[in-house]
């Protein structure tokens, strides 16, 4: 069975309605920001630059915080479902999360 690839800004109808999207992380940057998109191992991915180093989960926490600010949701509502130890990650946001519909629109605009 072929693996399903994350689709930018699209709800993945699985067990529950979720929004899954790919992210490419640049740890150790000067500032935390969402810096456009690029083609990568997971398809088109948002590029997220974070100042935190890539050790002890610090960069992962910074990625969630940076994305939460950009999408207008809480950081705890964003879950890394793939790539905890990789620069290429898949992030999931539940459709039931407060502001998920607005987040989907903002996500599409970031690509």
Protein backbone atom coordinates (compact mmCIF):
# COMPACT_ATOMS: atom_id res chain seq x y z
CA UNK A 1 0.00 0.00 0.00
CA UNK A 2 1.56 3.36 -0.97
CA UNK A 3 2.33 5.83 1.79
CA UNK A 4 0.21 8.95 1.91
CA UNK A 5 2.20 12.11 1.51
CA UNK A 6 1.28 15.25 3.44
CA UNK A 7 -0.55 17.76 1.30
CA UNK A 8 0.03 21.43 2.12
CA UNK A 9 -3.01 23.03 3.70
CA UNK A 10 -5.32 20.07 3.14
CA UNK A 11 -7.28 18.10 5.70
CA UNK A 12 -6.25 14.46 5.84
CA UNK A 13 -9.38 12.41 6.49
CA UNK A 14 -8.06 9.56 8.57
CA UNK A 15 -9.15 8.47 12.01
CA UNK A 16 -10.03 12.09 12.72
CA UNK A 17 -10.01 15.23 10.64
CA UNK A 18 -6.50 16.62 10.71
CA UNK A 19 -4.42 19.11 8.85
CA UNK A 20 -1.00 17.62 8.02
CA UNK A 21 1.83 19.49 6.38
CA UNK A 22 5.54 19.06 5.76
CA UNK A 23 8.21 21.26 7.32
CA UNK A 24 11.95 21.64 6.67
CA UNK A 25 13.77 22.98 9.75
CA UNK A 26 16.85 25.19 9.83
CA UNK A 27 18.14 25.09 13.43
CA UNK A 28 20.69 27.60 14.71
CA UNK A 29 19.35 30.51 12.64
CA UNK A 30 19.57 34.15 13.71
CA UNK A 31 15.81 34.43 14.28
CA UNK A 32 12.70 32.30 14.45
CA UNK A 33 10.53 32.62 11.33
CA UNK A 34 8.63 30.80 8.61
CA UNK A 35 10.73 31.43 5.52
CA UNK A 36 8.74 30.30 2.47
CA UNK A 37 8.66 26.80 1.05
CA UNK A 38 10.85 24.36 -0.87
CA UNK A 39 10.71 20.97 -2.51
CA UNK A 40 12.20 18.25 -0.35
CA UNK A 41 11.99 14.65 0.76
CA UNK A 42 8.36 15.07 1.83
CA UNK A 43 7.21 17.12 -1.15
CA UNK A 44 6.62 20.85 -0.82
CA UNK A 45 7.55 21.85 2.73
CA UNK A 46 7.45 25.05 4.72
CA UNK A 47 10.92 26.23 5.70
CA UNK A 48 11.03 27.10 9.41
CA UNK A 49 14.17 28.76 10.74
CA UNK A 50 14.71 28.62 14.51
CA UNK A 51 17.51 29.96 16.67
CA UNK A 52 17.40 26.96 19.01
CA UNK A 53 20.07 24.27 18.56
CA UNK A 54 19.12 20.83 17.26
CA UNK A 55 19.63 18.97 20.52
CA UNK A 56 17.43 17.74 23.37
CA UNK A 57 14.26 18.66 21.46
CA UNK A 58 14.92 22.41 21.73
CA UNK A 59 14.57 22.98 17.99
CA UNK A 60 11.35 20.94 17.90
CA UNK A 61 9.83 23.09 20.64
CA UNK A 62 10.92 26.24 18.80
CA UNK A 63 9.42 24.94 15.54
CA UNK A 64 6.06 24.32 17.21
CA UNK A 65 6.13 27.76 18.83
CA UNK A 66 7.10 29.53 15.59
CA UNK A 67 4.42 27.72 13.59
CA UNK A 68 1.82 28.37 16.28
CA UNK A 69 2.48 32.11 16.08
CA UNK A 70 2.32 32.06 12.27
CA UNK A 71 -0.89 30.02 12.19
CA UNK A 72 -2.66 31.62 15.15
CA UNK A 73 -3.02 28.44 17.21
CA UNK A 74 -1.52 27.15 20.45
CA UNK A 75 1.83 25.37 20.23
CA UNK A 76 0.46 22.37 22.11
CA UNK A 77 -2.11 21.86 19.32
CA UNK A 78 0.70 21.18 16.82
CA UNK A 79 2.10 17.64 16.96
CA UNK A 80 5.20 16.35 15.22
CA UNK A 81 4.00 13.03 13.80
CA UNK A 82 7.11 12.24 11.76
CA UNK A 83 10.73 13.36 11.89
CA UNK A 84 11.37 14.16 15.55
CA UNK A 85 15.12 13.69 14.93
CA UNK A 86 15.19 14.97 11.37
CA UNK A 87 15.12 18.35 9.66
CA UNK A 88 12.22 17.07 7.55
CA UNK A 89 9.07 16.78 9.66
CA UNK A 90 5.35 16.23 9.29
CA UNK A 91 3.24 18.40 11.57
CA UNK A 92 -0.39 17.71 12.43
CA UNK A 93 -3.12 20.07 13.61
CA UNK A 94 -6.49 18.66 14.63
CA UNK A 95 -9.47 20.16 12.82
CA UNK A 96 -11.20 20.38 16.19
CA UNK A 97 -8.49 22.71 17.53
CA UNK A 98 -9.60 26.26 18.15
CA UNK A 99 -8.87 28.32 15.05
CA UNK A 100 -8.07 25.34 12.81
CA UNK A 101 -10.07 26.71 9.87
CA UNK A 102 -8.23 30.04 10.03
CA UNK A 103 -4.94 28.16 10.44
CA UNK A 104 -5.60 26.27 7.20
CA UNK A 105 -6.05 29.57 5.34
CA UNK A 106 -2.89 31.03 6.90
CA UNK A 107 -0.96 27.88 6.08
CA UNK A 108 -1.97 28.08 2.43
CA UNK A 109 -0.83 31.71 2.34
CA UNK A 110 2.60 30.75 3.74
CA UNK A 111 3.28 28.41 0.83
